[in-house]
Amino acid sequence: MHMGISIATGDITCDGSCAIVNAANSSLMGGGGVDGAIHRAGGRTILDECRLIRSERYPDGLPTGQAVATTAGSMPSRYVIHTVGPIYPGCGTRCDDLLGECYTNSLKVACELGCGSIAFPAISTGIYGFPRERAARVAYKAVCSFLDREKSEIKVIFVFHSAADRQLFEQAVEGV
């Protein structure tokens, strides 16, 4: 495991990292899974900031692979970084690249905000259908590449809702 990366099991909305990542939909208006949990836990402030982002920067929705930040509302983190993962298999030959961009662009935003830590969920592996083992390898490679290339000391935590998902991730990235 890369030195800058750790793995945890728990509720990402309770994580105390400077930034947590939201596996958002392009509307940024909340939804199910991690997205809904973050909007519920953070409160109305997040939704209000997302509306502003939509009206000022992304009137047609946040493009897949891009990332934007809001405050974290009432959660212990300082920021929520919203990123839109690819819908599998509709992403075609770009699936891995688009998913990797979610992680890379979220890390870029966290560094621009001066964050020393960031927590990621498993992006696109829920309703968006990305195969979990493949997504784990893409995520891990993208994060390792960013940390090594940028010489970044940001602490990265992959937070999984269940022990089974955590174990799947650990097995998938073993030897990567």
C-alpha atoms as a PDB file:
ATOM      1  CA  MET A   1       0.000   0.000   0.000  1.00  0.00           C
ATOM      2  CA  HIS A   2       1.280   3.446  -0.926  1.00  0.00           C
ATOM      3  CA  MET A   3       2.551   5.372   2.118  1.00  0.00           C
ATOM      4  CA  GLY A   4       0.123   8.269   1.605  1.00  0.00           C
ATOM      5  CA  ILE A   5      -2.957   6.041   1.506  1.00  0.00           C
ATOM      6  CA  SER A   6      -4.995   4.425   4.252  1.00  0.00           C
ATOM      7  CA  ILE A   7      -8.221   2.447   4.256  1.00  0.00           C
ATOM      8  CA  ALA A   8     -11.122   2.652   6.698  1.00  0.00           C
ATOM      9  CA  THR A   9     -14.570   1.203   7.211  1.00  0.00           C
ATOM     10  CA  GLY A  10     -17.282   3.578   8.355  1.00  0.00           C
ATOM     11  CA  ASP A  11     -19.520   6.501   7.524  1.00  0.00           C
ATOM     12  CA  ILE A  12     -17.752   9.047   5.308  1.00  0.00           C
ATOM     13  CA  THR A  13     -20.047  11.797   6.611  1.00  0.00           C
ATOM     14  CA  CYS A  14     -18.423  11.371  10.045  1.00  0.00           C
ATOM     15  CA  ASP A  15     -14.863  11.394   8.714  1.00  0.00           C
ATOM     16  CA  GLY A  16     -12.755  14.249  10.019  1.00  0.00           C
ATOM     17  CA  SER A  17     -10.634  14.717   6.907  1.00  0.00           C
ATOM     18  CA  CYS A  18     -10.284  18.265   5.632  1.00  0.00           C
ATOM     19  CA  ALA A  19     -12.310  17.242   2.564  1.00  0.00           C
ATOM     20  CA  ILE A  20     -14.624  14.359   1.816  1.00  0.00           C
ATOM     21  CA  VAL A  21     -15.542  13.426  -1.721  1.00  0.00           C
ATOM     22  CA  ASN A  22     -19.123  13.126  -2.849  1.00  0.00           C
ATOM     23  CA  ALA A  23     -19.933  10.646  -5.601  1.00  0.00           C
ATOM     24  CA  ALA A  24     -22.427  13.132  -7.039  1.00  0.00           C
ATOM     25  CA  ASN A  25     -24.732  13.144 -10.009  1.00  0.00           C
ATOM     26  CA  SER A  26     -24.293  15.884 -12.598  1.00  0.00           C
ATOM     27  CA  SER A  27     -27.186  17.950 -11.211  1.00  0.00           C
ATOM     28  CA  LEU A  28     -25.343  18.407  -7.873  1.00  0.00           C
ATOM     29  CA  MET A  29     -28.777  18.488  -6.222  1.00  0.00           C
ATOM     30  CA  GLY A  30     -28.367  15.344  -4.129  1.00  0.00           C
ATOM     31  CA  GLY A  31     -29.530  11.832  -4.818  1.00  0.00           C
ATOM     32  CA  GLY A  32     -29.162   8.365  -3.385  1.00  0.00           C
ATOM     33  CA  GLY A  33     -26.247   6.494  -1.852  1.00  0.00           C
ATOM     34  CA  VAL A  34     -23.234   8.524  -0.728  1.00  0.00           C
ATOM     35  CA  ASP A  35     -24.615  11.628  -2.466  1.00  0.00           C
ATOM     36  CA  GLY A  36     -27.866  11.579  -0.494  1.00  0.00           C
ATOM     37  CA  ALA A  37     -26.097  10.781   2.774  1.00  0.00           C
ATOM     38  CA  ILE A  38     -23.714  13.735   2.353  1.00  0.00           C
ATOM     39  CA  HIS A  39     -26.507  16.165   1.502  1.00  0.00           C
ATOM     40  CA  ARG A  40     -28.578  14.972   4.491  1.00  0.00           C
ATOM     41  CA  ALA A  41     -25.657  15.097   6.934  1.00  0.00           C
ATOM     42  CA  GLY A  42     -24.299  18.433   5.728  1.00  0.00           C
ATOM     43  CA  GLY A  43     -27.599  20.244   5.607  1.00  0.00           C
ATOM     44  CA  ARG A  44     -29.044  22.932   3.399  1.00  0.00           C
ATOM     45  CA  THR A  45     -25.789  24.890   3.047  1.00  0.00           C
ATOM     46  CA  ILE A  46     -24.381  22.278   0.675  1.00  0.00           C
ATOM     47  CA  LEU A  47     -27.456  22.331  -1.550  1.00  0.00           C
ATOM     48  CA  ASP A  48     -27.455  26.145  -1.617  1.00  0.00           C
ATOM     49  CA  GLU A  49     -23.794  26.219  -2.685  1.00  0.00           C
ATOM     50  CA  CYS A  50     -24.422  23.537  -5.317  1.00  0.00           C
ATOM     51  CA  ARG A  51     -27.254  25.627  -6.752  1.00  0.00           C
ATOM     52  CA  LEU A  52     -24.887  28.586  -6.987  1.00  0.00           C
ATOM     53  CA  ILE A  53     -22.236  26.464  -8.745  1.00  0.00           C
ATOM     54  CA  ARG A  54     -24.870  25.279 -11.214  1.00  0.00           C
ATOM     55  CA  SER A  55     -26.129  28.784 -11.950  1.00  0.00           C
ATOM     56  CA  GLU A  56     -22.695  30.412 -12.235  1.00  0.00           C
ATOM     57  CA  ARG A  57     -20.368  27.720 -13.606  1.00  0.00           C
ATOM     58  CA  TYR A  58     -22.161  24.588 -14.790  1.00  0.00           C
ATOM     59  CA  PRO A  59     -25.703  25.401 -15.975  1.00  0.00           C
ATOM     60  CA  ASP A  60     -25.879  22.074 -17.836  1.00  0.00           C
ATOM     61  CA  GLY A  61     -24.546  20.075 -14.876  1.00  0.00           C
ATOM     62  CA  LEU A  62     -21.087  19.066 -13.711  1.00  0.00           C
ATOM     63  CA  PRO A  63     -19.360  17.025 -16.435  1.00  0.00           C
ATOM     64  CA  THR A  64     -18.228  13.484 -15.690  1.00  0.00           C
ATOM     65  CA  GLY A  65     -14.728  13.409 -14.208  1.00  0.00           C
ATOM     66  CA  GLN A  66     -14.735  17.046 -13.073  1.00  0.00           C
ATOM     67  CA  ALA A  67     -14.736  18.180  -9.429  1.00  0.00           C
ATOM     68  CA  VAL A  68     -15.975  21.225  -7.490  1.00  0.00           C
ATOM     69  CA  ALA A  69     -15.955  22.090  -3.796  1.00  0.00           C
ATOM     70  CA  THR A  70     -18.497  23.371  -1.317  1.00  0.00           C
ATOM     71  CA  THR A  71     -18.309  23.734   2.424  1.00  0.00           C
ATOM     72  CA  ALA A  72     -19.251  20.636   4.407  1.00  0.00           C
ATOM     73  CA  GLY A  73     -22.140  22.232   6.251  1.00  0.00           C
ATOM     74  CA  SER A  74     -22.685  20.545   9.607  1.00  0.00           C
ATOM     75  CA  MET A  75     -20.270  17.658   8.986  1.00  0.00           C
ATOM     76  CA  PRO A  76     -16.870  17.548  10.739  1.00  0.00           C
ATOM     77  CA  SER A  77     -14.969  18.020   7.458  1.00  0.00           C
ATOM     78  CA  ARG A  78     -14.269  21.471   6.107  1.00  0.00           C
ATOM     79  CA  TYR A  79     -15.162  20.784   2.480  1.00  0.00           C
ATOM     80  CA  VAL A  80     -17.133  18.464   0.255  1.00  0.00           C
ATOM     81  CA  ILE A  81     -15.596  17.880  -3.149  1.00  0.00           C
ATOM     82  CA  HIS A  82     -18.307  16.805  -5.587  1.00  0.00           C
ATOM     83  CA  THR A  83     -17.307  14.672  -8.562  1.00  0.00           C
ATOM     84  CA  VAL A  84     -19.414  12.851 -11.142  1.00  0.00           C
ATOM     85  CA  GLY A  85     -18.339   9.317 -11.923  1.00  0.00           C
ATOM     86  CA  PRO A  86     -18.964   7.550 -15.215  1.00  0.00           C
ATOM     87  CA  ILE A  87     -22.074   5.434 -15.721  1.00  0.00           C
ATOM     88  CA  TYR A  88     -20.976   1.926 -16.684  1.00  0.00           C
ATOM     89  CA  PRO A  89     -20.990   0.614 -19.403  1.00  0.00           C
ATOM     90  CA  GLY A  90     -22.320   3.746 -21.146  1.00  0.00           C
ATOM     91  CA  CYS A  91     -18.905   5.380 -20.789  1.00  0.00           C
ATOM     92  CA  GLY A  92     -17.552   3.043 -23.472  1.00  0.00           C
ATOM     93  CA  THR A  93     -13.794   2.999 -24.002  1.00  0.00           C
ATOM     94  CA  ARG A  94     -13.306   6.019 -21.700  1.00  0.00           C
ATOM     95  CA  CYS A  95     -14.655   4.396 -18.507  1.00  0.00           C
ATOM     96  CA  ASP A  96     -11.315   3.936 -16.767  1.00  0.00           C
ATOM     97  CA  ASP A  97     -10.018   7.361 -17.824  1.00  0.00           C
ATOM     98  CA  LEU A  98     -13.162   9.153 -16.646  1.00  0.00           C
ATOM     99  CA  LEU A  99     -13.133   7.367 -13.302  1.00  0.00           C
ATOM    100  CA  GLY A 100      -9.443   8.137 -12.841  1.00  0.00           C
ATOM    101  CA  GLU A 101     -10.163  11.815 -13.580  1.00  0.00           C
ATOM    102  CA  CYS A 102     -12.684  11.863 -10.707  1.00  0.00           C
ATOM    103  CA  TYR A 103      -9.904  10.972  -8.267  1.00  0.00           C
ATOM    104  CA  THR A 104      -7.225  13.163  -9.860  1.00  0.00           C
ATOM    105  CA  ASN A 105      -9.441  16.235 -10.168  1.00  0.00           C
ATOM    106  CA  SER A 106     -10.732  15.814  -6.605  1.00  0.00           C
ATOM    107  CA  LEU A 107      -7.155  15.689  -5.353  1.00  0.00           C
ATOM    108  CA  LYS A 108      -6.281  18.814  -7.361  1.00  0.00           C
ATOM    109  CA  VAL A 109      -9.197  20.697  -5.792  1.00  0.00           C
ATOM    110  CA  ALA A 110      -8.218  19.514  -2.291  1.00  0.00           C
ATOM    111  CA  CYS A 111      -4.643  20.701  -2.820  1.00  0.00           C
ATOM    112  CA  GLU A 112      -5.850  24.062  -4.153  1.00  0.00           C
ATOM    113  CA  LEU A 113      -7.916  24.415  -0.950  1.00  0.00           C
ATOM    114  CA  GLY A 114      -4.836  23.658   1.145  1.00  0.00           C
ATOM    115  CA  CYS A 115      -6.203  20.407   2.539  1.00  0.00           C
ATOM    116  CA  GLY A 116      -3.883  18.002   4.291  1.00  0.00           C
ATOM    117  CA  SER A 117      -6.320  15.091   4.049  1.00  0.00           C
ATOM    118  CA  ILE A 118      -9.094  13.805   1.807  1.00  0.00           C
ATOM    119  CA  ALA A 119     -11.524  10.890   2.140  1.00  0.00           C
ATOM    120  CA  PHE A 120     -12.899   9.056  -0.898  1.00  0.00           C
ATOM    121  CA  PRO A 121     -15.855   6.705  -1.239  1.00  0.00           C
ATOM    122  CA  ALA A 122     -15.924   4.069  -3.987  1.00  0.00           C
ATOM    123  CA  ILE A 123     -17.005   6.309  -6.881  1.00  0.00           C
ATOM    124  CA  SER A 124     -19.369   4.869  -9.551  1.00  0.00           C
ATOM    125  CA  THR A 125     -19.625   1.407  -7.948  1.00  0.00           C
ATOM    126  CA  GLY A 126     -23.207   1.759  -6.716  1.00  0.00           C
ATOM    127  CA  ILE A 127     -26.091   2.588  -9.013  1.00  0.00           C
ATOM    128  CA  TYR A 128     -23.636   3.675 -11.737  1.00  0.00           C
ATOM    129  CA  GLY A 129     -22.619   0.012 -12.067  1.00  0.00           C
ATOM    130  CA  PHE A 130     -18.820   0.235 -12.432  1.00  0.00           C
ATOM    131  CA  PRO A 131     -17.340  -3.203 -11.600  1.00  0.00           C
ATOM    132  CA  ARG A 132     -15.961  -2.883  -8.061  1.00  0.00           C
ATOM    133  CA  GLU A 133     -12.623  -4.658  -8.519  1.00  0.00           C
ATOM    134  CA  ARG A 134     -11.853  -2.712 -11.672  1.00  0.00           C
ATOM    135  CA  ALA A 135     -12.914   0.560 -10.021  1.00  0.00           C
ATOM    136  CA  ALA A 136     -10.635  -0.189  -7.057  1.00  0.00           C
ATOM    137  CA  ARG A 137      -7.614  -0.651  -9.314  1.00  0.00           C
ATOM    138  CA  VAL A 138      -8.402   2.503 -11.323  1.00  0.00           C
ATOM    139  CA  ALA A 139      -8.877   4.554  -8.132  1.00  0.00           C
ATOM    140  CA  TYR A 140      -5.722   3.267  -6.487  1.00  0.00           C
ATOM    141  CA  LYS A 141      -3.568   3.815  -9.581  1.00  0.00           C
ATOM    142  CA  ALA A 142      -4.939   7.335 -10.111  1.00  0.00           C
ATOM    143  CA  VAL A 143      -4.292   8.340  -6.499  1.00  0.00           C
ATOM    144  CA  CYS A 144      -0.796   6.810  -6.403  1.00  0.00           C
ATOM    145  CA  SER A 145       0.105   8.479  -9.684  1.00  0.00           C
ATOM    146  CA  PHE A 146      -1.094  11.873  -8.427  1.00  0.00           C
ATOM    147  CA  LEU A 147       0.749  11.573  -5.114  1.00  0.00           C
ATOM    148  CA  ASP A 148       3.988  10.538  -6.814  1.00  0.00           C
ATOM    149  CA  ARG A 149       3.784  13.017  -9.715  1.00  0.00           C
ATOM    150  CA  GLU A 150       2.808  16.032  -7.605  1.00  0.00           C
ATOM    151  CA  LYS A 151       5.062  15.064  -4.683  1.00  0.00           C
ATOM    152  CA  SER A 152       1.963  15.732  -2.605  1.00  0.00           C
ATOM    153  CA  GLU A 153       1.862  14.946   1.086  1.00  0.00           C
ATOM    154  CA  ILE A 154      -1.918  14.991   1.280  1.00  0.00           C
ATOM    155  CA  LYS A 155      -3.235  12.060   3.308  1.00  0.00           C
ATOM    156  CA  VAL A 156      -5.717   9.968   1.300  1.00  0.00           C
ATOM    157  CA  ILE A 157      -8.273   7.749   2.998  1.00  0.00           C
ATOM    158  CA  PHE A 158     -10.536   5.349   1.153  1.00  0.00           C
ATOM    159  CA  VAL A 159     -13.650   4.966   3.314  1.00  0.00           C
ATOM    160  CA  PHE A 160     -15.861   1.941   2.733  1.00  0.00           C
ATOM    161  CA  HIS A 161     -19.334   1.471   4.153  1.00  0.00           C
ATOM    162  CA  SER A 162     -18.814  -2.231   4.845  1.00  0.00           C
ATOM    163  CA  ALA A 163     -15.988  -4.565   5.813  1.00  0.00           C
ATOM    164  CA  ALA A 164     -16.754  -6.633   2.701  1.00  0.00           C
ATOM    165  CA  ASP A 165     -16.243  -3.622   0.399  1.00  0.00           C
ATOM    166  CA  ARG A 166     -13.042  -2.733   2.204  1.00  0.00           C
ATOM    167  CA  GLN A 167     -11.737  -6.297   1.813  1.00  0.00           C
ATOM    168  CA  LEU A 168     -12.647  -6.309  -1.882  1.00  0.00           C
ATOM    169  CA  PHE A 169     -10.661  -3.089  -2.375  1.00  0.00           C
ATOM    170  CA  GLU A 170      -7.636  -4.423  -0.483  1.00  0.00           C
ATOM    171  CA  GLN A 171      -7.619  -7.624  -2.530  1.00  0.00           C
ATOM    172  CA  ALA A 172      -8.116  -5.791  -5.832  1.00  0.00           C
ATOM    173  CA  VAL A 173      -5.159  -3.437  -5.305  1.00  0.00           C
ATOM    174  CA  GLU A 174      -2.804  -6.019  -3.844  1.00  0.00           C
ATOM    175  CA  GLY A 175       0.274  -6.062  -6.026  1.00  0.00           C
ATOM    176  CA  VAL A 176      -0.806  -3.050  -8.109  1.00  0.00           C
END
